[in-house]
Amino acid sequence: MAIYRTLYYTDVTVGVGGRVTIPQDMREELGIEEGDTLTVRVEENPKGGRQMVIWRSEQQEEDENA
């Protein structure tokens, strides 16, 4: 299992319809572009605290021989 360390974090506001805007500097740092698909996971600790984890998978390049 990989162990990650926090690089930085920020507060975001939940907007209309539950929309969350990822700040531009984070999108640039992570290489997130318009149209990318993100995976979201909700985790719960034994005391009932919950957190949302979001990541972008590396996109697979299409096989050039196909």
N, C-alpha and C. Protein backbone atom coordinates (compact mmCIF):
# COMPACT_ATOMS: atom_id res chain seq x y z
N MET A 1 0.84 -1.18 0.00
CA MET A 1 0.00 0.00 0.00
C MET A 1 0.88 1.23 0.00
N ALA A 2 0.56 2.19 -0.85
CA ALA A 2 1.34 3.42 -0.94
C ALA A 2 0.98 4.36 0.21
N ILE A 3 1.97 5.06 0.70
CA ILE A 3 1.74 6.08 1.73
C ILE A 3 2.03 7.43 1.09
N TYR A 4 1.05 8.31 1.13
CA TYR A 4 1.20 9.62 0.54
C TYR A 4 1.43 10.65 1.64
N ARG A 5 2.14 11.70 1.30
CA ARG A 5 2.30 12.81 2.23
C ARG A 5 1.60 14.02 1.65
N THR A 6 1.08 14.88 2.50
CA THR A 6 0.37 16.06 2.05
C THR A 6 1.35 17.08 1.51
N LEU A 7 1.12 17.53 0.27
CA LEU A 7 1.95 18.58 -0.32
C LEU A 7 1.37 19.95 0.02
N TYR A 8 0.08 20.10 -0.14
CA TYR A 8 -0.61 21.31 0.25
C TYR A 8 -2.11 21.04 0.22
N TYR A 9 -2.87 21.91 0.84
CA TYR A 9 -4.32 21.77 0.81
C TYR A 9 -4.94 23.15 0.87
N THR A 10 -6.20 23.24 0.53
CA THR A 10 -6.91 24.50 0.52
C THR A 10 -8.39 24.24 0.80
N ASP A 11 -9.11 25.27 1.16
CA ASP A 11 -10.55 25.18 1.34
C ASP A 11 -11.23 25.54 0.03
N VAL A 12 -12.30 24.82 -0.30
CA VAL A 12 -13.11 25.15 -1.47
C VAL A 12 -14.56 25.25 -1.03
N THR A 13 -15.33 26.00 -1.77
CA THR A 13 -16.74 26.19 -1.46
C THR A 13 -17.57 25.28 -2.34
N VAL A 14 -18.58 24.66 -1.75
CA VAL A 14 -19.52 23.85 -2.53
C VAL A 14 -20.54 24.80 -3.13
N GLY A 15 -20.67 24.72 -4.45
CA GLY A 15 -21.57 25.62 -5.16
C GLY A 15 -22.89 24.96 -5.52
N VAL A 16 -23.59 25.57 -6.45
CA VAL A 16 -24.89 25.11 -6.91
C VAL A 16 -24.80 23.67 -7.40
N GLY A 17 -25.72 22.85 -6.99
CA GLY A 17 -25.76 21.46 -7.43
C GLY A 17 -24.62 20.61 -6.90
N GLY A 18 -23.95 21.07 -5.83
CA GLY A 18 -22.85 20.31 -5.24
C GLY A 18 -21.53 20.47 -5.98
N ARG A 19 -21.44 21.44 -6.88
CA ARG A 19 -20.22 21.63 -7.66
C ARG A 19 -19.08 22.14 -6.79
N VAL A 20 -17.91 21.55 -7.00
CA VAL A 20 -16.70 21.96 -6.30
C VAL A 20 -15.68 22.35 -7.37
N THR A 21 -15.12 23.53 -7.25
CA THR A 21 -14.10 23.97 -8.19
C THR A 21 -12.73 23.66 -7.62
N ILE A 22 -11.95 22.90 -8.38
CA ILE A 22 -10.57 22.61 -7.99
C ILE A 22 -9.74 23.82 -8.40
N PRO A 23 -9.02 24.44 -7.45
CA PRO A 23 -8.26 25.64 -7.78
C PRO A 23 -7.28 25.41 -8.94
N GLN A 24 -7.11 26.45 -9.76
CA GLN A 24 -6.27 26.39 -10.95
C GLN A 24 -4.87 25.86 -10.67
N ASP A 25 -4.24 26.33 -9.59
CA ASP A 25 -2.86 25.89 -9.32
C ASP A 25 -2.80 24.38 -9.04
N MET A 26 -3.83 23.84 -8.38
CA MET A 26 -3.87 22.39 -8.14
C MET A 26 -4.10 21.64 -9.45
N ARG A 27 -5.00 22.15 -10.30
CA ARG A 27 -5.24 21.49 -11.59
C ARG A 27 -3.97 21.45 -12.41
N GLU A 28 -3.23 22.54 -12.42
CA GLU A 28 -1.98 22.58 -13.19
C GLU A 28 -0.95 21.61 -12.60
N GLU A 29 -0.83 21.59 -11.29
CA GLU A 29 0.13 20.72 -10.62
C GLU A 29 -0.16 19.24 -10.89
N LEU A 30 -1.45 18.91 -10.94
CA LEU A 30 -1.87 17.52 -11.14
C LEU A 30 -2.08 17.14 -12.59
N GLY A 31 -2.04 18.12 -13.48
CA GLY A 31 -2.24 17.84 -14.90
C GLY A 31 -3.70 17.54 -15.23
N ILE A 32 -4.62 18.10 -14.46
CA ILE A 32 -6.05 17.88 -14.71
C ILE A 32 -6.50 18.89 -15.75
N GLU A 33 -7.14 18.36 -16.81
CA GLU A 33 -7.61 19.22 -17.89
C GLU A 33 -9.10 18.99 -18.11
N GLU A 34 -9.73 19.92 -18.79
CA GLU A 34 -11.15 19.80 -19.11
C GLU A 34 -11.41 18.47 -19.81
N GLY A 35 -12.44 17.78 -19.37
CA GLY A 35 -12.80 16.50 -19.97
C GLY A 35 -12.20 15.30 -19.27
N ASP A 36 -11.22 15.49 -18.38
CA ASP A 36 -10.64 14.38 -17.63
C ASP A 36 -11.70 13.78 -16.70
N THR A 37 -11.58 12.49 -16.44
CA THR A 37 -12.46 11.81 -15.50
C THR A 37 -11.70 11.60 -14.20
N LEU A 38 -12.33 11.96 -13.10
CA LEU A 38 -11.74 11.77 -11.78
C LEU A 38 -12.50 10.67 -11.06
N THR A 39 -11.80 9.91 -10.23
CA THR A 39 -12.41 8.87 -9.41
C THR A 39 -12.56 9.42 -7.99
N VAL A 40 -13.71 9.18 -7.38
CA VAL A 40 -13.98 9.68 -6.03
C VAL A 40 -14.27 8.49 -5.12
N ARG A 41 -13.64 8.50 -3.95
CA ARG A 41 -13.88 7.44 -2.96
C ARG A 41 -14.20 8.13 -1.63
N VAL A 42 -15.20 7.61 -0.92
CA VAL A 42 -15.52 8.10 0.42
C VAL A 42 -15.01 7.06 1.41
N GLU A 43 -14.22 7.53 2.37
CA GLU A 43 -13.65 6.66 3.40
C GLU A 43 -14.26 7.02 4.76
N GLU A 44 -14.35 6.03 5.63
CA GLU A 44 -14.89 6.26 6.97
C GLU A 44 -13.95 5.65 7.99
N ASN A 45 -13.67 6.40 9.05
CA ASN A 45 -12.82 5.85 10.12
C ASN A 45 -13.72 5.18 11.18
N PRO A 46 -13.13 4.45 12.11
CA PRO A 46 -13.94 3.73 13.11
C PRO A 46 -14.85 4.62 13.96
N LYS A 47 -14.51 5.92 14.07
CA LYS A 47 -15.32 6.83 14.87
C LYS A 47 -16.43 7.49 14.05
N GLY A 48 -16.54 7.13 12.77
CA GLY A 48 -17.61 7.67 11.93
C GLY A 48 -17.21 8.89 11.11
N GLY A 49 -15.98 9.39 11.29
CA GLY A 49 -15.52 10.52 10.48
C GLY A 49 -15.37 10.09 9.04
N ARG A 50 -15.72 10.94 8.11
CA ARG A 50 -15.64 10.60 6.69
C ARG A 50 -14.80 11.62 5.94
N GLN A 51 -14.18 11.12 4.90
CA GLN A 51 -13.42 12.00 4.01
C GLN A 51 -13.60 11.52 2.58
N MET A 52 -13.45 12.47 1.67
CA MET A 52 -13.58 12.18 0.25
C MET A 52 -12.19 12.25 -0.37
N VAL A 53 -11.82 11.23 -1.12
CA VAL A 53 -10.53 11.17 -1.78
C VAL A 53 -10.80 11.18 -3.29
N ILE A 54 -10.11 12.06 -4.00
CA ILE A 54 -10.32 12.20 -5.45
C ILE A 54 -8.98 12.04 -6.15
N TRP A 55 -8.95 11.27 -7.24
CA TRP A 55 -7.72 11.16 -7.99
C TRP A 55 -8.00 11.03 -9.49
N ARG A 56 -6.99 11.35 -10.26
CA ARG A 56 -7.04 11.21 -11.71
C ARG A 56 -6.09 10.09 -12.08
N SER A 57 -6.60 9.07 -12.74
CA SER A 57 -5.74 7.98 -13.17
C SER A 57 -4.94 8.43 -14.38
N GLU A 58 -3.74 7.87 -14.50
CA GLU A 58 -2.95 8.14 -15.69
C GLU A 58 -3.67 7.53 -16.87
N GLN A 59 -3.81 8.29 -17.93
CA GLN A 59 -4.50 7.78 -19.10
C GLN A 59 -3.60 6.84 -19.87
N GLN A 60 -4.18 5.74 -20.34
CA GLN A 60 -3.44 4.76 -21.11
C GLN A 60 -3.34 5.23 -22.56
N GLU A 61 -2.14 5.17 -23.11
CA GLU A 61 -1.98 5.52 -24.52
C GLU A 61 -2.51 4.37 -25.35
N GLU A 62 -3.17 4.72 -26.47
CA GLU A 62 -3.71 3.68 -27.34
C GLU A 62 -2.57 2.93 -28.02
N ASP A 63 -2.79 1.65 -28.25
CA ASP A 63 -1.80 0.81 -28.92
C ASP A 63 -1.61 1.30 -30.34
N GLU A 64 -0.40 1.69 -30.67
CA GLU A 64 -0.12 2.24 -31.99
C GLU A 64 -0.28 1.21 -33.10
N ASN A 65 -0.21 -0.08 -32.78
CA ASN A 65 -0.31 -1.13 -33.78
C ASN A 65 -1.74 -1.59 -34.02
N ALA A 66 -2.68 -1.05 -33.28
CA ALA A 66 -4.09 -1.49 -33.42
C ALA A 66 -4.74 -0.90 -34.64
